[in-house]
Amino acid sequence: MEHDRRSSPPLQGNERETLRAFLDYHRQTLAMKCAGLDDEALRQRSMPPSTLSLLALVRHMAEVERAWFRRVFEDGDAPMVWSQEVDFQAAYDVSASNRTEAFTAWEAEVATSRRIERQAASLDLTGHQPRWGKEVSLRMVMVHVLLEYGRHNGHADLLREGVDGAVGA
């Protein structure tokens, strides 16, 4: 695994700076867990019957970014990245996917999410969460996505260790 180049979150930042920094830290963590691996290694599954792999996690997090930023604050009808309906499990089918496709989609969604967050005047900005049919704040969305990364980066730790024994951070 490559040297740790993640940006550390501020120790005394304001709420927005802290949320933004921790979200980016976790985005960088997922990328770091996948660094240096080829398509075959990225497709390696954890254990049967699970379809979880590092490539699947990258695809899943592209869906999460889209569902919680683009679909809430810009276009509630935007199609998901890997399925026509809101099916987060579709991202786990990596049989026809590769690193370039998955990372290109994920990085594009991250860029859109960052743009939406940076353009918002306040964390109190609300948008419509189409799956729930309710209004949610940007603050809630950032925390929710941060928790998604935290949970899935734990999976990424185990998956990476299973691929080549790399552990840490």
N, C-alpha and C. Protein backbone atom coordinates (compact mmCIF):
# COMPACT_ATOMS: atom_id res chain seq x y z
N MET A 1 0.85 -1.17 0.00
CA MET A 1 0.00 0.00 0.00
C MET A 1 0.90 1.24 0.00
N GLU A 2 0.47 2.27 -0.72
CA GLU A 2 1.28 3.48 -0.84
C GLU A 2 1.39 4.21 0.50
N HIS A 3 2.36 5.10 0.56
CA HIS A 3 2.57 5.93 1.74
C HIS A 3 1.31 6.76 2.03
N ASP A 4 1.03 6.96 3.28
CA ASP A 4 -0.17 7.71 3.69
C ASP A 4 0.00 9.19 3.37
N ARG A 5 -0.78 9.67 2.40
CA ARG A 5 -0.74 11.08 1.98
C ARG A 5 -2.04 11.80 2.27
N ARG A 6 -2.86 11.21 3.13
CA ARG A 6 -4.15 11.84 3.43
C ARG A 6 -3.95 13.15 4.20
N SER A 7 -4.86 14.08 3.97
CA SER A 7 -4.85 15.35 4.69
C SER A 7 -5.53 15.16 6.04
N SER A 8 -4.86 15.55 7.08
CA SER A 8 -5.44 15.41 8.42
C SER A 8 -6.51 16.47 8.65
N PRO A 9 -7.62 16.09 9.25
CA PRO A 9 -8.65 17.07 9.58
C PRO A 9 -8.12 18.07 10.63
N PRO A 10 -8.69 19.27 10.65
CA PRO A 10 -8.22 20.28 11.60
C PRO A 10 -8.57 19.89 13.04
N LEU A 11 -7.70 20.24 13.95
CA LEU A 11 -7.95 19.94 15.36
C LEU A 11 -8.88 20.97 15.99
N GLN A 12 -9.00 22.15 15.37
CA GLN A 12 -9.85 23.20 15.93
C GLN A 12 -10.64 23.94 14.86
N GLY A 13 -11.05 23.24 13.81
CA GLY A 13 -11.81 23.88 12.74
C GLY A 13 -13.25 24.12 13.15
N ASN A 14 -13.92 24.95 12.38
CA ASN A 14 -15.35 25.14 12.64
C ASN A 14 -16.11 23.91 12.14
N GLU A 15 -17.41 23.90 12.34
CA GLU A 15 -18.21 22.72 12.01
C GLU A 15 -18.06 22.33 10.54
N ARG A 16 -18.18 23.30 9.66
CA ARG A 16 -18.14 23.00 8.23
C ARG A 16 -16.76 22.53 7.80
N GLU A 17 -15.73 23.21 8.25
CA GLU A 17 -14.36 22.80 7.91
C GLU A 17 -14.09 21.38 8.41
N THR A 18 -14.57 21.08 9.60
CA THR A 18 -14.33 19.77 10.19
C THR A 18 -15.08 18.67 9.43
N LEU A 19 -16.35 18.90 9.13
CA LEU A 19 -17.11 17.91 8.36
C LEU A 19 -16.49 17.70 6.99
N ARG A 20 -16.15 18.78 6.31
CA ARG A 20 -15.55 18.71 4.98
C ARG A 20 -14.24 17.93 5.03
N ALA A 21 -13.41 18.24 6.02
CA ALA A 21 -12.09 17.60 6.12
C ALA A 21 -12.20 16.11 6.45
N PHE A 22 -13.10 15.76 7.35
CA PHE A 22 -13.26 14.34 7.67
C PHE A 22 -13.83 13.56 6.49
N LEU A 23 -14.74 14.16 5.76
CA LEU A 23 -15.29 13.52 4.58
C LEU A 23 -14.19 13.29 3.55
N ASP A 24 -13.38 14.31 3.30
CA ASP A 24 -12.28 14.15 2.35
C ASP A 24 -11.24 13.14 2.85
N TYR A 25 -10.99 13.12 4.15
CA TYR A 25 -10.07 12.15 4.73
C TYR A 25 -10.55 10.73 4.45
N HIS A 26 -11.83 10.49 4.62
CA HIS A 26 -12.37 9.16 4.36
C HIS A 26 -12.40 8.83 2.87
N ARG A 27 -12.63 9.82 2.03
CA ARG A 27 -12.55 9.59 0.59
C ARG A 27 -11.12 9.18 0.23
N GLN A 28 -10.16 9.89 0.78
CA GLN A 28 -8.75 9.57 0.53
C GLN A 28 -8.38 8.20 1.08
N THR A 29 -9.01 7.81 2.19
CA THR A 29 -8.74 6.49 2.77
C THR A 29 -9.18 5.39 1.81
N LEU A 30 -10.37 5.51 1.23
CA LEU A 30 -10.83 4.50 0.29
C LEU A 30 -9.87 4.40 -0.90
N ALA A 31 -9.46 5.53 -1.43
CA ALA A 31 -8.52 5.53 -2.55
C ALA A 31 -7.19 4.87 -2.14
N MET A 32 -6.73 5.16 -0.94
CA MET A 32 -5.47 4.60 -0.46
C MET A 32 -5.56 3.08 -0.32
N LYS A 33 -6.71 2.59 0.14
CA LYS A 33 -6.89 1.14 0.31
C LYS A 33 -6.85 0.42 -1.03
N CYS A 34 -7.17 1.12 -2.10
CA CYS A 34 -7.19 0.52 -3.44
C CYS A 34 -5.90 0.76 -4.21
N ALA A 35 -5.04 1.61 -3.70
CA ALA A 35 -3.84 2.02 -4.43
C ALA A 35 -2.92 0.84 -4.73
N GLY A 36 -2.41 0.84 -5.95
CA GLY A 36 -1.43 -0.15 -6.35
C GLY A 36 -2.00 -1.52 -6.72
N LEU A 37 -3.31 -1.67 -6.71
CA LEU A 37 -3.92 -2.96 -7.03
C LEU A 37 -4.46 -2.97 -8.45
N ASP A 38 -4.31 -4.09 -9.12
CA ASP A 38 -4.86 -4.23 -10.46
C ASP A 38 -6.33 -4.65 -10.37
N ASP A 39 -6.97 -4.76 -11.53
CA ASP A 39 -8.40 -5.10 -11.57
C ASP A 39 -8.70 -6.41 -10.85
N GLU A 40 -7.87 -7.41 -11.08
CA GLU A 40 -8.11 -8.72 -10.46
C GLU A 40 -8.08 -8.62 -8.94
N ALA A 41 -7.10 -7.93 -8.41
CA ALA A 41 -7.00 -7.77 -6.95
C ALA A 41 -8.17 -6.95 -6.41
N LEU A 42 -8.58 -5.91 -7.14
CA LEU A 42 -9.70 -5.09 -6.70
C LEU A 42 -11.02 -5.85 -6.71
N ARG A 43 -11.11 -6.88 -7.55
CA ARG A 43 -12.33 -7.69 -7.62
C ARG A 43 -12.36 -8.82 -6.59
N GLN A 44 -11.26 -9.05 -5.90
CA GLN A 44 -11.18 -10.17 -4.96
C GLN A 44 -12.23 -10.00 -3.87
N ARG A 45 -13.05 -11.03 -3.69
CA ARG A 45 -14.14 -11.00 -2.72
C ARG A 45 -13.66 -11.36 -1.32
N SER A 46 -14.44 -10.91 -0.35
CA SER A 46 -14.08 -11.16 1.04
C SER A 46 -14.24 -12.62 1.40
N MET A 47 -15.45 -13.15 1.28
CA MET A 47 -15.73 -14.55 1.57
C MET A 47 -17.11 -14.88 1.03
N PRO A 48 -17.29 -16.10 0.55
CA PRO A 48 -18.61 -16.49 0.05
C PRO A 48 -19.64 -16.45 1.17
N PRO A 49 -20.86 -16.08 0.92
CA PRO A 49 -21.43 -15.74 -0.38
C PRO A 49 -21.34 -14.24 -0.69
N SER A 50 -20.61 -13.50 0.11
CA SER A 50 -20.52 -12.05 -0.08
C SER A 50 -19.94 -11.70 -1.44
N THR A 51 -20.47 -10.64 -2.05
CA THR A 51 -19.93 -10.12 -3.30
C THR A 51 -19.09 -8.87 -3.04
N LEU A 52 -18.79 -8.61 -1.79
CA LEU A 52 -18.04 -7.42 -1.41
C LEU A 52 -16.60 -7.51 -1.87
N SER A 53 -16.14 -6.46 -2.52
CA SER A 53 -14.75 -6.33 -2.97
C SER A 53 -14.39 -4.86 -2.91
N LEU A 54 -13.11 -4.56 -3.03
CA LEU A 54 -12.71 -3.15 -3.04
C LEU A 54 -13.33 -2.42 -4.23
N LEU A 55 -13.36 -3.06 -5.39
CA LEU A 55 -13.97 -2.43 -6.56
C LEU A 55 -15.46 -2.19 -6.32
N ALA A 56 -16.12 -3.13 -5.69
CA ALA A 56 -17.54 -2.96 -5.36
C ALA A 56 -17.74 -1.78 -4.42
N LEU A 57 -16.84 -1.60 -3.46
CA LEU A 57 -16.96 -0.48 -2.53
C LEU A 57 -16.81 0.86 -3.25
N VAL A 58 -15.88 0.94 -4.18
CA VAL A 58 -15.70 2.18 -4.95
C VAL A 58 -16.98 2.47 -5.73
N ARG A 59 -17.53 1.46 -6.38
CA ARG A 59 -18.77 1.63 -7.13
C ARG A 59 -19.92 2.02 -6.19
N HIS A 60 -20.01 1.36 -5.06
CA HIS A 60 -21.07 1.66 -4.09
C HIS A 60 -20.96 3.11 -3.60
N MET A 61 -19.76 3.56 -3.32
CA MET A 61 -19.61 4.92 -2.81
C MET A 61 -19.89 5.96 -3.90
N ALA A 62 -19.72 5.61 -5.16
CA ALA A 62 -20.18 6.51 -6.23
C ALA A 62 -21.69 6.66 -6.15
N GLU A 63 -22.39 5.56 -5.90
CA GLU A 63 -23.85 5.60 -5.74
C GLU A 63 -24.24 6.43 -4.53
N VAL A 64 -23.54 6.25 -3.44
CA VAL A 64 -23.84 6.99 -2.20
C VAL A 64 -23.67 8.48 -2.43
N GLU A 65 -22.55 8.86 -3.04
CA GLU A 65 -22.30 10.28 -3.32
C GLU A 65 -23.44 10.85 -4.18
N ARG A 66 -23.83 10.12 -5.21
CA ARG A 66 -24.89 10.61 -6.11
C ARG A 66 -26.23 10.70 -5.38
N ALA A 67 -26.56 9.65 -4.64
CA ALA A 67 -27.86 9.60 -3.96
C ALA A 67 -28.01 10.69 -2.92
N TRP A 68 -26.92 11.06 -2.27
CA TRP A 68 -27.02 11.99 -1.15
C TRP A 68 -26.64 13.42 -1.48
N PHE A 69 -25.95 13.67 -2.56
CA PHE A 69 -25.65 15.06 -2.93
C PHE A 69 -26.42 15.44 -4.19
N ARG A 70 -26.11 14.84 -5.32
CA ARG A 70 -26.73 15.22 -6.59
C ARG A 70 -28.26 15.07 -6.54
N ARG A 71 -28.74 13.90 -6.09
CA ARG A 71 -30.18 13.64 -6.11
C ARG A 71 -30.93 14.45 -5.05
N VAL A 72 -30.27 14.85 -3.98
CA VAL A 72 -30.94 15.63 -2.93
C VAL A 72 -30.93 17.12 -3.26
N PHE A 73 -29.82 17.63 -3.75
CA PHE A 73 -29.69 19.08 -3.91
C PHE A 73 -29.77 19.58 -5.35
N GLU A 74 -29.68 18.71 -6.34
CA GLU A 74 -29.70 19.18 -7.73
C GLU A 74 -30.77 18.53 -8.59
N ASP A 75 -30.85 17.22 -8.57
CA ASP A 75 -31.74 16.54 -9.50
C ASP A 75 -32.25 15.24 -8.89
N GLY A 76 -33.40 15.31 -8.26
CA GLY A 76 -33.99 14.15 -7.60
C GLY A 76 -34.30 13.00 -8.54
N ASP A 77 -34.34 13.28 -9.84
CA ASP A 77 -34.63 12.24 -10.83
C ASP A 77 -33.37 11.71 -11.53
N ALA A 78 -32.21 12.19 -11.11
CA ALA A 78 -30.97 11.71 -11.74
C ALA A 78 -30.88 10.20 -11.56
N PRO A 79 -30.56 9.48 -12.64
CA PRO A 79 -30.44 8.03 -12.49
C PRO A 79 -29.24 7.68 -11.60
N MET A 80 -29.33 6.55 -11.00
CA MET A 80 -28.19 6.08 -10.22
C MET A 80 -27.07 5.73 -11.20
N VAL A 81 -25.88 5.55 -10.70
CA VAL A 81 -24.73 5.31 -11.56
C VAL A 81 -24.79 3.91 -12.19
N TRP A 82 -25.15 2.90 -11.40
CA TRP A 82 -25.05 1.52 -11.87
C TRP A 82 -26.40 0.83 -12.06
N SER A 83 -27.49 1.51 -11.77
CA SER A 83 -28.80 0.87 -11.94
C SER A 83 -29.83 1.91 -12.35
N GLN A 84 -30.88 1.47 -12.99
CA GLN A 84 -31.95 2.38 -13.39
C GLN A 84 -32.82 2.77 -12.21
N GLU A 85 -32.96 1.88 -11.25
CA GLU A 85 -33.71 2.19 -10.04
C GLU A 85 -32.69 2.39 -8.91
N VAL A 86 -33.16 2.79 -7.77
CA VAL A 86 -32.25 3.01 -6.64
C VAL A 86 -31.96 1.64 -6.01
N ASP A 87 -30.92 1.00 -6.54
CA ASP A 87 -30.51 -0.32 -6.09
C ASP A 87 -29.02 -0.29 -5.79
N PHE A 88 -28.70 -0.03 -4.52
CA PHE A 88 -27.30 0.08 -4.13
C PHE A 88 -26.56 -1.24 -4.30
N GLN A 89 -27.27 -2.36 -4.30
CA GLN A 89 -26.63 -3.66 -4.47
C GLN A 89 -26.09 -3.86 -5.88
N ALA A 90 -26.66 -3.16 -6.85
CA ALA A 90 -26.18 -3.29 -8.23
C ALA A 90 -24.72 -2.92 -8.35
N ALA A 91 -24.25 -2.04 -7.50
CA ALA A 91 -22.85 -1.62 -7.55
C ALA A 91 -21.89 -2.76 -7.21
N TYR A 92 -22.39 -3.76 -6.50
CA TYR A 92 -21.51 -4.87 -6.08
C TYR A 92 -21.23 -5.86 -7.20
N ASP A 93 -21.95 -5.75 -8.32
CA ASP A 93 -21.68 -6.62 -9.45
C ASP A 93 -20.54 -6.01 -10.26
N VAL A 94 -19.35 -6.51 -10.05
CA VAL A 94 -18.16 -5.95 -10.70
C VAL A 94 -17.69 -6.81 -11.88
N SER A 95 -18.52 -7.75 -12.31
CA SER A 95 -18.12 -8.69 -13.35
C SER A 95 -17.72 -7.99 -14.66
N ALA A 96 -18.37 -6.90 -14.98
CA ALA A 96 -18.06 -6.19 -16.23
C ALA A 96 -17.39 -4.84 -15.97
N SER A 97 -16.90 -4.65 -14.77
CA SER A 97 -16.32 -3.36 -14.40
C SER A 97 -14.80 -3.47 -14.26
N ASN A 98 -14.16 -2.32 -14.24
CA ASN A 98 -12.72 -2.28 -14.01
C ASN A 98 -12.37 -1.02 -13.23
N ARG A 99 -11.12 -0.92 -12.84
CA ARG A 99 -10.63 0.20 -12.03
C ARG A 99 -10.95 1.53 -12.70
N THR A 100 -10.63 1.66 -13.98
CA THR A 100 -10.82 2.94 -14.66
C THR A 100 -12.27 3.38 -14.63
N GLU A 101 -13.17 2.48 -14.99
CA GLU A 101 -14.60 2.80 -15.01
C GLU A 101 -15.09 3.19 -13.60
N ALA A 102 -14.77 2.38 -12.61
CA ALA A 102 -15.25 2.62 -11.25
C ALA A 102 -14.69 3.92 -10.67
N PHE A 103 -13.39 4.11 -10.80
CA PHE A 103 -12.79 5.31 -10.23
C PHE A 103 -13.20 6.57 -10.98
N THR A 104 -13.38 6.49 -12.28
CA THR A 104 -13.85 7.65 -13.04
C THR A 104 -15.23 8.08 -12.55
N ALA A 105 -16.12 7.12 -12.38
CA ALA A 105 -17.47 7.43 -11.89
C ALA A 105 -17.42 7.97 -10.46
N TRP A 106 -16.69 7.32 -9.59
CA TRP A 106 -16.60 7.75 -8.19
C TRP A 106 -16.01 9.15 -8.09
N GLU A 107 -14.90 9.39 -8.78
CA GLU A 107 -14.26 10.70 -8.72
C GLU A 107 -15.16 11.80 -9.28
N ALA A 108 -15.94 11.50 -10.30
CA ALA A 108 -16.88 12.48 -10.85
C ALA A 108 -17.96 12.80 -9.82
N GLU A 109 -18.47 11.79 -9.13
CA GLU A 109 -19.50 12.03 -8.11
C GLU A 109 -18.93 12.79 -6.93
N VAL A 110 -17.71 12.48 -6.53
CA VAL A 110 -17.06 13.22 -5.44
C VAL A 110 -16.91 14.68 -5.84
N ALA A 111 -16.49 14.94 -7.07
CA ALA A 111 -16.33 16.33 -7.54
C ALA A 111 -17.67 17.06 -7.51
N THR A 112 -18.73 16.40 -7.92
CA THR A 112 -20.06 17.01 -7.88
C THR A 112 -20.47 17.29 -6.44
N SER A 113 -20.24 16.34 -5.57
CA SER A 113 -20.59 16.52 -4.15
C SER A 113 -19.82 17.69 -3.55
N ARG A 114 -18.54 17.77 -3.83
CA ARG A 114 -17.73 18.88 -3.30
C ARG A 114 -18.24 20.22 -3.83
N ARG A 115 -18.58 20.27 -5.11
CA ARG A 115 -19.09 21.52 -5.69
C ARG A 115 -20.39 21.93 -5.01
N ILE A 116 -21.30 20.99 -4.84
CA ILE A 116 -22.58 21.29 -4.19
C ILE A 116 -22.34 21.81 -2.78
N GLU A 117 -21.49 21.15 -2.04
CA GLU A 117 -21.22 21.57 -0.65
C GLU A 117 -20.58 22.95 -0.62
N ARG A 118 -19.62 23.19 -1.48
CA ARG A 118 -18.91 24.49 -1.46
C ARG A 118 -19.79 25.64 -1.91
N GLN A 119 -20.76 25.37 -2.79
CA GLN A 119 -21.66 26.43 -3.26
C GLN A 119 -22.76 26.76 -2.26
N ALA A 120 -23.01 25.87 -1.33
CA ALA A 120 -24.08 26.09 -0.36
C ALA A 120 -23.68 27.18 0.63
N ALA A 121 -24.58 28.09 0.86
CA ALA A 121 -24.29 29.19 1.78
C ALA A 121 -24.18 28.72 3.22
N SER A 122 -24.85 27.62 3.53
CA SER A 122 -24.92 27.17 4.92
C SER A 122 -25.15 25.67 4.99
N LEU A 123 -24.75 25.08 6.10
CA LEU A 123 -25.05 23.67 6.35
C LEU A 123 -26.54 23.46 6.58
N ASP A 124 -27.27 24.55 6.77
CA ASP A 124 -28.71 24.48 6.96
C ASP A 124 -29.48 24.38 5.64
N LEU A 125 -28.76 24.46 4.51
CA LEU A 125 -29.40 24.27 3.21
C LEU A 125 -30.17 22.96 3.25
N THR A 126 -31.40 22.98 2.74
CA THR A 126 -32.18 21.74 2.69
C THR A 126 -32.43 21.32 1.26
N GLY A 127 -32.56 20.04 1.10
CA GLY A 127 -32.89 19.44 -0.17
C GLY A 127 -33.82 18.27 0.08
N HIS A 128 -34.40 17.78 -0.99
CA HIS A 128 -35.40 16.72 -0.88
C HIS A 128 -34.73 15.35 -1.09
N GLN A 129 -34.82 14.49 -0.09
CA GLN A 129 -34.30 13.13 -0.20
C GLN A 129 -35.41 12.27 -0.83
N PRO A 130 -35.28 11.95 -2.13
CA PRO A 130 -36.37 11.26 -2.83
C PRO A 130 -36.73 9.89 -2.24
N ARG A 131 -35.78 9.17 -1.72
CA ARG A 131 -36.08 7.84 -1.15
C ARG A 131 -36.94 7.96 0.10
N TRP A 132 -36.74 9.01 0.86
CA TRP A 132 -37.49 9.20 2.11
C TRP A 132 -38.71 10.07 1.92
N GLY A 133 -38.69 10.89 0.84
CA GLY A 133 -39.79 11.83 0.64
C GLY A 133 -39.77 12.94 1.67
N LYS A 134 -38.59 13.29 2.17
CA LYS A 134 -38.47 14.30 3.22
C LYS A 134 -37.34 15.27 2.91
N GLU A 135 -37.43 16.44 3.54
CA GLU A 135 -36.37 17.44 3.43
C GLU A 135 -35.26 17.09 4.42
N VAL A 136 -34.02 17.24 3.97
CA VAL A 136 -32.86 16.99 4.82
C VAL A 136 -31.87 18.14 4.66
N SER A 137 -31.09 18.39 5.69
CA SER A 137 -30.10 19.47 5.63
C SER A 137 -28.78 18.96 5.06
N LEU A 138 -28.01 19.90 4.54
CA LEU A 138 -26.66 19.58 4.06
C LEU A 138 -25.85 18.99 5.21
N ARG A 139 -26.01 19.50 6.39
CA ARG A 139 -25.31 18.99 7.57
C ARG A 139 -25.60 17.49 7.74
N MET A 140 -26.89 17.13 7.70
CA MET A 140 -27.28 15.74 7.86
C MET A 140 -26.69 14.87 6.75
N VAL A 141 -26.71 15.38 5.52
CA VAL A 141 -26.17 14.64 4.39
C VAL A 141 -24.68 14.40 4.57
N MET A 142 -23.95 15.43 4.96
CA MET A 142 -22.50 15.27 5.15
C MET A 142 -22.20 14.25 6.24
N VAL A 143 -22.94 14.29 7.33
CA VAL A 143 -22.73 13.33 8.42
C VAL A 143 -23.09 11.93 7.94
N HIS A 144 -24.21 11.79 7.23
CA HIS A 144 -24.63 10.48 6.75
C HIS A 144 -23.57 9.88 5.81
N VAL A 145 -23.09 10.66 4.87
CA VAL A 145 -22.09 10.15 3.92
C VAL A 145 -20.78 9.85 4.64
N LEU A 146 -20.42 10.67 5.59
CA LEU A 146 -19.23 10.41 6.40
C LEU A 146 -19.35 9.06 7.12
N LEU A 147 -20.52 8.78 7.68
CA LEU A 147 -20.74 7.49 8.34
C LEU A 147 -20.68 6.33 7.35
N GLU A 148 -21.20 6.54 6.14
CA GLU A 148 -21.10 5.50 5.11
C GLU A 148 -19.64 5.18 4.80
N TYR A 149 -18.84 6.22 4.62
CA TYR A 149 -17.41 5.99 4.36
C TYR A 149 -16.74 5.30 5.54
N GLY A 150 -17.05 5.73 6.75
CA GLY A 150 -16.44 5.12 7.92
C GLY A 150 -16.72 3.62 7.98
N ARG A 151 -17.98 3.26 7.77
CA ARG A 151 -18.36 1.85 7.80
C ARG A 151 -17.67 1.07 6.68
N HIS A 152 -17.73 1.60 5.48
CA HIS A 152 -17.17 0.87 4.35
C HIS A 152 -15.65 0.89 4.31
N ASN A 153 -15.03 1.89 4.90
CA ASN A 153 -13.57 1.87 5.00
C ASN A 153 -13.11 0.79 5.97
N GLY A 154 -13.94 0.46 6.95
CA GLY A 154 -13.64 -0.69 7.80
C GLY A 154 -13.64 -1.97 6.98
N HIS A 155 -14.62 -2.09 6.08
CA HIS A 155 -14.64 -3.24 5.17
C HIS A 155 -13.39 -3.22 4.28
N ALA A 156 -13.03 -2.03 3.79
CA ALA A 156 -11.87 -1.91 2.91
C ALA A 156 -10.59 -2.35 3.62
N ASP A 157 -10.47 -2.07 4.91
CA ASP A 157 -9.31 -2.52 5.69
C ASP A 157 -9.17 -4.04 5.60
N LEU A 158 -10.27 -4.73 5.86
CA LEU A 158 -10.25 -6.19 5.85
C LEU A 158 -10.03 -6.75 4.44
N LEU A 159 -10.68 -6.13 3.46
CA LEU A 159 -10.50 -6.59 2.08
C LEU A 159 -9.05 -6.43 1.63
N ARG A 160 -8.45 -5.29 1.91
CA ARG A 160 -7.07 -5.07 1.50
C ARG A 160 -6.13 -6.05 2.18
N GLU A 161 -6.34 -6.28 3.46
CA GLU A 161 -5.50 -7.25 4.15
C GLU A 161 -5.63 -8.64 3.51
N GLY A 162 -6.85 -8.99 3.09
CA GLY A 162 -7.04 -10.28 2.43
C GLY A 162 -6.38 -10.37 1.07
N VAL A 163 -6.24 -9.25 0.38
CA VAL A 163 -5.63 -9.24 -0.95
C VAL A 163 -4.13 -9.44 -0.86
N ASP A 164 -3.46 -8.63 -0.04
CA ASP A 164 -1.99 -8.69 -0.03
C ASP A 164 -1.36 -8.54 1.35
N GLY A 165 -2.18 -8.58 2.39
CA GLY A 165 -1.64 -8.51 3.74
C GLY A 165 -1.38 -7.10 4.24
N ALA A 166 -1.62 -6.08 3.40
CA ALA A 166 -1.36 -4.70 3.81
C ALA A 166 -2.37 -4.29 4.89
N VAL A 167 -1.86 -3.71 5.96
CA VAL A 167 -2.72 -3.26 7.06
C VAL A 167 -2.31 -1.84 7.44
N GLY A 168 -3.18 -1.23 8.23
CA GLY A 168 -2.85 0.09 8.78
C GLY A 168 -3.67 1.20 8.19
N ALA A 169 -3.73 2.28 8.97
CA ALA A 169 -4.42 3.51 8.61
C ALA A 169 -5.74 3.22 7.98
